[in-house]
PDB file of all heavy atoms in Angstrom:
ATOM      1  N   VAL A   1      57.563 115.451  96.154  1.00  0.00           N
ATOM      2  CA  VAL A   1      57.988 115.144  97.524  1.00  0.00           C
ATOM      3  C   VAL A   1      59.398 115.642  97.833  1.00  0.00           C
ATOM      4  O   VAL A   1      59.786 115.697  98.995  1.00  0.00           O
ATOM      5  CB  VAL A   1      57.903 113.625  97.824  1.00  0.00           C
ATOM      6  CG1 VAL A   1      56.477 113.151  97.732  1.00  0.00           C
ATOM      7  CG2 VAL A   1      58.804 112.822  96.901  1.00  0.00           C
ATOM      8  N   SER A   2      60.165 116.021  96.819  1.00  0.00           N
ATOM      9  CA  SER A   2      61.548 116.422  97.095  1.00  0.00           C
ATOM     10  C   SER A   2      61.838 117.882  96.795  1.00  0.00           C
ATOM     11  O   SER A   2      62.902 118.380  97.159  1.00  0.00           O
ATOM     12  CB  SER A   2      62.515 115.566  96.277  1.00  0.00           C
ATOM     13  OG  SER A   2      62.402 115.869  94.894  1.00  0.00           O
ATOM     14  N   ASP A   3      60.937 118.577  96.157  1.00  0.00           N
ATOM     15  CA  ASP A   3      61.188 119.951  95.740  1.00  0.00           C
ATOM     16  C   ASP A   3      61.210 120.900  96.927  1.00  0.00           C
ATOM     17  O   ASP A   3      60.292 120.920  97.733  1.00  0.00           O
ATOM     18  CB  ASP A   3      60.108 120.393  94.753  1.00  0.00           C
ATOM     19  CG  ASP A   3      60.305 121.820  94.311  1.00  0.00           C
ATOM     20  OD1 ASP A   3      61.448 122.168  93.992  1.00  0.00           O
ATOM     21  OD2 ASP A   3      59.324 122.578  94.287  1.00  0.00           O
ATOM     22  N   ARG A   4      62.274 121.687  97.038  1.00  0.00           N
ATOM     23  CA  ARG A   4      62.369 122.733  98.044  1.00  0.00           C
ATOM     24  C   ARG A   4      62.754 124.063  97.396  1.00  0.00           C
ATOM     25  O   ARG A   4      63.286 124.945  98.034  1.00  0.00           O
ATOM     26  CB  ARG A   4      63.405 122.369  99.131  1.00  0.00           C
ATOM     27  CG  ARG A   4      63.035 121.186 100.001  1.00  0.00           C
ATOM     28  CD  ARG A   4      61.746 121.446 100.757  1.00  0.00           C
ATOM     29  NE  ARG A   4      61.433 120.373 101.679  1.00  0.00           N
ATOM     30  CZ  ARG A   4      60.726 119.302 101.405  1.00  0.00           C
ATOM     31  NH1 ARG A   4      60.270 119.120 100.185  1.00  0.00           N
ATOM     32  NH2 ARG A   4      60.462 118.397 102.310  1.00  0.00           N
ATOM     33  N   ASP A   5      62.467 124.193  96.109  1.00  0.00           N
ATOM     34  CA  ASP A   5      62.791 125.432  95.402  1.00  0.00           C
ATOM     35  C   ASP A   5      62.098 126.626  96.031  1.00  0.00           C
ATOM     36  O   ASP A   5      62.675 127.706  96.125  1.00  0.00           O
ATOM     37  CB  ASP A   5      62.390 125.333  93.931  1.00  0.00           C
ATOM     38  CG  ASP A   5      63.266 124.382  93.140  1.00  0.00           C
ATOM     39  OD1 ASP A   5      64.250 123.869  93.719  1.00  0.00           O
ATOM     40  OD2 ASP A   5      62.965 124.147  91.953  1.00  0.00           O
ATOM     41  N   PHE A   6      60.869 126.442  96.477  1.00  0.00           N
ATOM     42  CA  PHE A   6      60.138 127.563  97.069  1.00  0.00           C
ATOM     43  C   PHE A   6      60.804 128.058  98.345  1.00  0.00           C
ATOM     44  O   PHE A   6      60.790 129.253  98.633  1.00  0.00           O
ATOM     45  CB  PHE A   6      58.670 127.189  97.327  1.00  0.00           C
ATOM     46  CG  PHE A   6      58.469 126.097  98.335  1.00  0.00           C
ATOM     47  CD1 PHE A   6      58.156 126.402  99.645  1.00  0.00           C
ATOM     48  CD2 PHE A   6      58.585 124.768  97.975  1.00  0.00           C
ATOM     49  CE1 PHE A   6      57.967 125.405 100.590  1.00  0.00           C
ATOM     50  CE2 PHE A   6      58.392 123.762  98.901  1.00  0.00           C
ATOM     51  CZ  PHE A   6      58.086 124.080 100.215  1.00  0.00           C
ATOM     52  N   VAL A   7      61.428 127.155  99.099  1.00  0.00           N
ATOM     53  CA  VAL A   7      62.134 127.560 100.318  1.00  0.00           C
ATOM     54  C   VAL A   7      63.404 128.319  99.943  1.00  0.00           C
ATOM     55  O   VAL A   7      63.702 129.371 100.514  1.00  0.00           O
ATOM     56  CB  VAL A   7      62.484 126.337 101.200  1.00  0.00           C
ATOM     57  CG1 VAL A   7      63.242 126.760 102.440  1.00  0.00           C
ATOM     58  CG2 VAL A   7      61.232 125.568 101.577  1.00  0.00           C
ATOM     59  N   ALA A   8      64.133 127.801  98.956  1.00  0.00           N
ATOM     60  CA  ALA A   8      65.360 128.476  98.510  1.00  0.00           C
ATOM     61  C   ALA A   8      65.043 129.851  97.935  1.00  0.00           C
ATOM     62  O   ALA A   8      65.761 130.822  98.205  1.00  0.00           O
ATOM     63  CB  ALA A   8      66.088 127.615  97.466  1.00  0.00           C
ATOM     64  N   GLU A   9      63.959 129.959  97.171  1.00  0.00           N
ATOM     65  CA  GLU A   9      63.580 131.255  96.605  1.00  0.00           C
ATOM     66  C   GLU A   9      63.201 132.241  97.707  1.00  0.00           C
ATOM     67  O   GLU A   9      63.562 133.419  97.657  1.00  0.00           O
ATOM     68  CB  GLU A   9      62.422 131.088  95.627  1.00  0.00           C
ATOM     69  CG  GLU A   9      62.825 130.394  94.340  1.00  0.00           C
ATOM     70  CD  GLU A   9      61.641 130.039  93.461  1.00  0.00           C
ATOM     71  OE1 GLU A   9      60.489 130.395  93.807  1.00  0.00           O
ATOM     72  OE2 GLU A   9      61.863 129.413  92.419  1.00  0.00           O
ATOM     73  N   PHE A  10      62.475 131.774  98.707  1.00  0.00           N
ATOM     74  CA  PHE A  10      62.076 132.639  99.821  1.00  0.00           C
ATOM     75  C   PHE A  10      63.304 133.124 100.596  1.00  0.00           C
ATOM     76  O   PHE A  10      63.418 134.307 100.919  1.00  0.00           O
ATOM     77  CB  PHE A  10      61.117 131.893 100.743  1.00  0.00           C
ATOM     78  CG  PHE A  10      60.631 132.705 101.904  1.00  0.00           C
ATOM     79  CD1 PHE A  10      59.782 133.778 101.710  1.00  0.00           C
ATOM     80  CD2 PHE A  10      61.021 132.393 103.197  1.00  0.00           C
ATOM     81  CE1 PHE A  10      59.333 134.536 102.784  1.00  0.00           C
ATOM     82  CE2 PHE A  10      60.583 133.136 104.278  1.00  0.00           C
ATOM     83  CZ  PHE A  10      59.733 134.213 104.058  1.00  0.00           C
ATOM     84  N   LEU A  11      64.245 132.214 100.876  1.00  0.00           N
ATOM     85  CA  LEU A  11      65.464 132.606 101.581  1.00  0.00           C
ATOM     86  C   LEU A  11      66.300 133.582 100.753  1.00  0.00           C
ATOM     87  O   LEU A  11      66.915 134.506 101.295  1.00  0.00           O
ATOM     88  CB  LEU A  11      66.290 131.374 101.954  1.00  0.00           C
ATOM     89  CG  LEU A  11      65.714 130.492 103.051  1.00  0.00           C
ATOM     90  CD1 LEU A  11      66.578 129.262 103.255  1.00  0.00           C
ATOM     91  CD2 LEU A  11      65.569 131.261 104.348  1.00  0.00           C
ATOM     92  N   PHE A  12      66.322 133.386  99.434  1.00  0.00           N
ATOM     93  CA  PHE A  12      67.052 134.323  98.572  1.00  0.00           C
ATOM     94  C   PHE A  12      66.432 135.714  98.637  1.00  0.00           C
ATOM     95  O   PHE A  12      67.143 136.717  98.759  1.00  0.00           O
ATOM     96  CB  PHE A  12      67.085 133.833  97.125  1.00  0.00           C
ATOM     97  CG  PHE A  12      67.625 134.871  96.181  1.00  0.00           C
ATOM     98  CD1 PHE A  12      68.978 135.155  96.147  1.00  0.00           C
ATOM     99  CD2 PHE A  12      66.770 135.592  95.368  1.00  0.00           C
ATOM    100  CE1 PHE A  12      69.479 136.138  95.311  1.00  0.00           C
ATOM    101  CE2 PHE A  12      67.264 136.579  94.524  1.00  0.00           C
ATOM    102  CZ  PHE A  12      68.621 136.846  94.495  1.00  0.00           C
ATOM    103  N   VAL A  13      65.109 135.783  98.556  1.00  0.00           N
ATOM    104  CA  VAL A  13      64.434 137.087  98.610  1.00  0.00           C
ATOM    105  C   VAL A  13      64.715 137.774  99.946  1.00  0.00           C
ATOM    106  O   VAL A  13      65.027 138.969  99.993  1.00  0.00           O
ATOM    107  CB  VAL A  13      62.919 136.928  98.356  1.00  0.00           C
ATOM    108  CG1 VAL A  13      62.160 138.198  98.685  1.00  0.00           C
ATOM    109  CG2 VAL A  13      62.662 136.518  96.910  1.00  0.00           C
ATOM    110  N   LEU A  14      64.636 137.034 101.053  1.00  0.00           N
ATOM    111  CA  LEU A  14      64.947 137.614 102.361  1.00  0.00           C
ATOM    112  C   LEU A  14      66.389 138.103 102.425  1.00  0.00           C
ATOM    113  O   LEU A  14      66.662 139.186 102.946  1.00  0.00           O
ATOM    114  CB  LEU A  14      64.703 136.595 103.472  1.00  0.00           C
ATOM    115  CG  LEU A  14      63.263 136.274 103.824  1.00  0.00           C
ATOM    116  CD1 LEU A  14      63.216 135.236 104.951  1.00  0.00           C
ATOM    117  CD2 LEU A  14      62.498 137.514 104.217  1.00  0.00           C
ATOM    118  N   SER A  15      67.309 137.312 101.900  1.00  0.00           N
ATOM    119  CA  SER A  15      68.720 137.703 101.896  1.00  0.00           C
ATOM    120  C   SER A  15      68.941 138.970 101.092  1.00  0.00           C
ATOM    121  O   SER A  15      69.665 139.880 101.520  1.00  0.00           O
ATOM    122  CB  SER A  15      69.584 136.581 101.307  1.00  0.00           C
ATOM    123  OG  SER A  15      69.484 135.416 102.070  1.00  0.00           O
ATOM    124  N   LEU A  16      68.325 139.050  99.929  1.00  0.00           N
ATOM    125  CA  LEU A  16      68.505 140.217  99.069  1.00  0.00           C
ATOM    126  C   LEU A  16      67.901 141.471  99.711  1.00  0.00           C
ATOM    127  O   LEU A  16      68.510 142.540  99.668  1.00  0.00           O
ATOM    128  CB  LEU A  16      67.881 139.959  97.699  1.00  0.00           C
ATOM    129  CG  LEU A  16      68.237 140.953  96.606  1.00  0.00           C
ATOM    130  CD1 LEU A  16      69.746 140.998  96.378  1.00  0.00           C
ATOM    131  CD2 LEU A  16      67.520 140.596  95.323  1.00  0.00           C
ATOM    132  N   ILE A  17      66.737 141.335 100.324  1.00  0.00           N
ATOM    133  CA  ILE A  17      66.136 142.474 101.029  1.00  0.00           C
ATOM    134  C   ILE A  17      67.053 142.926 102.161  1.00  0.00           C
ATOM    135  O   ILE A  17      67.302 144.124 102.341  1.00  0.00           O
ATOM    136  CB  ILE A  17      64.732 142.110 101.564  1.00  0.00           C
ATOM    137  CG1 ILE A  17      63.739 141.993 100.418  1.00  0.00           C
ATOM    138  CG2 ILE A  17      64.250 143.146 102.583  1.00  0.00           C
ATOM    139  CD1 ILE A  17      62.400 141.410 100.814  1.00  0.00           C
ATOM    140  N   GLY A  18      67.582 141.968 102.935  1.00  0.00           N
ATOM    141  CA  GLY A  18      68.485 142.308 104.033  1.00  0.00           C
ATOM    142  C   GLY A  18      69.737 143.012 103.553  1.00  0.00           C
ATOM    143  O   GLY A  18      70.203 143.976 104.170  1.00  0.00           O
ATOM    144  N   ILE A  19      70.283 142.559 102.437  1.00  0.00           N
ATOM    145  CA  ILE A  19      71.489 143.182 101.896  1.00  0.00           C
ATOM    146  C   ILE A  19      71.205 144.605 101.432  1.00  0.00           C
ATOM    147  O   ILE A  19      71.978 145.534 101.700  1.00  0.00           O
ATOM    148  CB  ILE A  19      72.084 142.318 100.768  1.00  0.00           C
ATOM    149  CG1 ILE A  19      72.734 141.072 101.387  1.00  0.00           C
ATOM    150  CG2 ILE A  19      73.085 143.092  99.933  1.00  0.00           C
ATOM    151  CD1 ILE A  19      73.129 140.025 100.395  1.00  0.00           C
ATOM    152  N   HIS A  20      70.083 144.809 100.759  1.00  0.00           N
ATOM    153  CA  HIS A  20      69.738 146.162 100.307  1.00  0.00           C
ATOM    154  C   HIS A  20      69.472 147.097 101.487  1.00  0.00           C
ATOM    155  O   HIS A  20      69.885 148.261 101.461  1.00  0.00           O
ATOM    156  CB  HIS A  20      68.527 146.124  99.369  1.00  0.00           C
ATOM    157  CG  HIS A  20      68.860 145.634  98.001  1.00  0.00           C
ATOM    158  ND1 HIS A  20      69.791 146.234  97.187  1.00  0.00           N
ATOM    159  CD2 HIS A  20      68.389 144.578  97.299  1.00  0.00           C
ATOM    160  CE1 HIS A  20      69.876 145.582  96.047  1.00  0.00           C
ATOM    161  NE2 HIS A  20      69.035 144.571  96.087  1.00  0.00           N
ATOM    162  N   LEU A  21      68.804 146.613 102.525  1.00  0.00           N
ATOM    163  CA  LEU A  21      68.567 147.435 103.711  1.00  0.00           C
ATOM    164  C   LEU A  21      69.883 147.781 104.407  1.00  0.00           C
ATOM    165  O   LEU A  21      70.071 148.896 104.896  1.00  0.00           O
ATOM    166  CB  LEU A  21      67.622 146.735 104.681  1.00  0.00           C
ATOM    167  CG  LEU A  21      66.158 146.663 104.249  1.00  0.00           C
ATOM    168  CD1 LEU A  21      65.357 145.824 105.239  1.00  0.00           C
ATOM    169  CD2 LEU A  21      65.565 148.053 104.107  1.00  0.00           C
ATOM    170  N   SER A  22      70.798 146.828 104.441  1.00  0.00           N
ATOM    171  CA  SER A  22      72.095 147.068 105.053  1.00  0.00           C
ATOM    172  C   SER A  22      72.877 148.127 104.271  1.00  0.00           C
ATOM    173  O   SER A  22      73.506 149.013 104.859  1.00  0.00           O
ATOM    174  CB  SER A  22      72.892 145.763 105.110  1.00  0.00           C
ATOM    175  OG  SER A  22      74.154 145.980 105.678  1.00  0.00           O
ATOM    176  N   ARG A  23      72.833 148.052 102.952  1.00  0.00           N
ATOM    177  CA  ARG A  23      73.530 149.042 102.126  1.00  0.00           C
ATOM    178  C   ARG A  23      72.928 150.426 102.315  1.00  0.00           C
ATOM    179  O   ARG A  23      73.650 151.420 102.405  1.00  0.00           O
ATOM    180  CB  ARG A  23      73.472 148.628 100.656  1.00  0.00           C
ATOM    181  CG  ARG A  23      74.262 147.350 100.383  1.00  0.00           C
ATOM    182  CD  ARG A  23      74.125 146.908  98.961  1.00  0.00           C
ATOM    183  NE  ARG A  23      74.779 147.883  98.094  1.00  0.00           N
ATOM    184  CZ  ARG A  23      74.550 147.972  96.795  1.00  0.00           C
ATOM    185  NH1 ARG A  23      73.684 147.179  96.213  1.00  0.00           N
ATOM    186  NH2 ARG A  23      75.181 148.860  96.070  1.00  0.00           N
ATOM    187  N   LEU A  24      71.598 150.497 102.384  1.00  0.00           N
ATOM    188  CA  LEU A  24      70.933 151.775 102.624  1.00  0.00           C
ATOM    189  C   LEU A  24      71.340 152.335 103.980  1.00  0.00           C
ATOM    190  O   LEU A  24      71.618 153.530 104.120  1.00  0.00           O
ATOM    191  CB  LEU A  24      69.414 151.598 102.550  1.00  0.00           C
ATOM    192  CG  LEU A  24      68.578 152.832 102.879  1.00  0.00           C
ATOM    193  CD1 LEU A  24      68.834 153.937 101.865  1.00  0.00           C
ATOM    194  CD2 LEU A  24      67.108 152.465 102.944  1.00  0.00           C
ATOM    195  N   SER A  25      71.407 151.480 104.991  1.00  0.00           N
ATOM    196  CA  SER A  25      71.822 151.910 106.327  1.00  0.00           C
ATOM    197  C   SER A  25      73.236 152.460 106.320  1.00  0.00           C
ATOM    198  O   SER A  25      73.523 153.471 106.963  1.00  0.00           O
ATOM    199  CB  SER A  25      71.735 150.738 107.310  1.00  0.00           C
ATOM    200  OG  SER A  25      70.414 150.324 107.452  1.00  0.00           O
ATOM    201  N   GLU A  26      74.128 151.784 105.622  1.00  0.00           N
ATOM    202  CA  GLU A  26      75.511 152.256 105.538  1.00  0.00           C
ATOM    203  C   GLU A  26      75.581 153.634 104.889  1.00  0.00           C
ATOM    204  O   GLU A  26      76.352 154.496 105.325  1.00  0.00           O
ATOM    205  CB  GLU A  26      76.380 151.257 104.782  1.00  0.00           C
ATOM    206  CG  GLU A  26      76.608 149.956 105.516  1.00  0.00           C
ATOM    207  CD  GLU A  26      77.316 150.139 106.850  1.00  0.00           C
ATOM    208  OE1 GLU A  26      78.154 151.062 106.992  1.00  0.00           O
ATOM    209  OE2 GLU A  26      77.009 149.361 107.769  1.00  0.00           O
TER     210      GLU A  26
END
């Protein structure tokens, strides 16, 4: 009832993808 690891993992993956796309754009 208290685990939100899957949400944190999903947000981390989105953040990492966004950072890599931003670096590629630069």
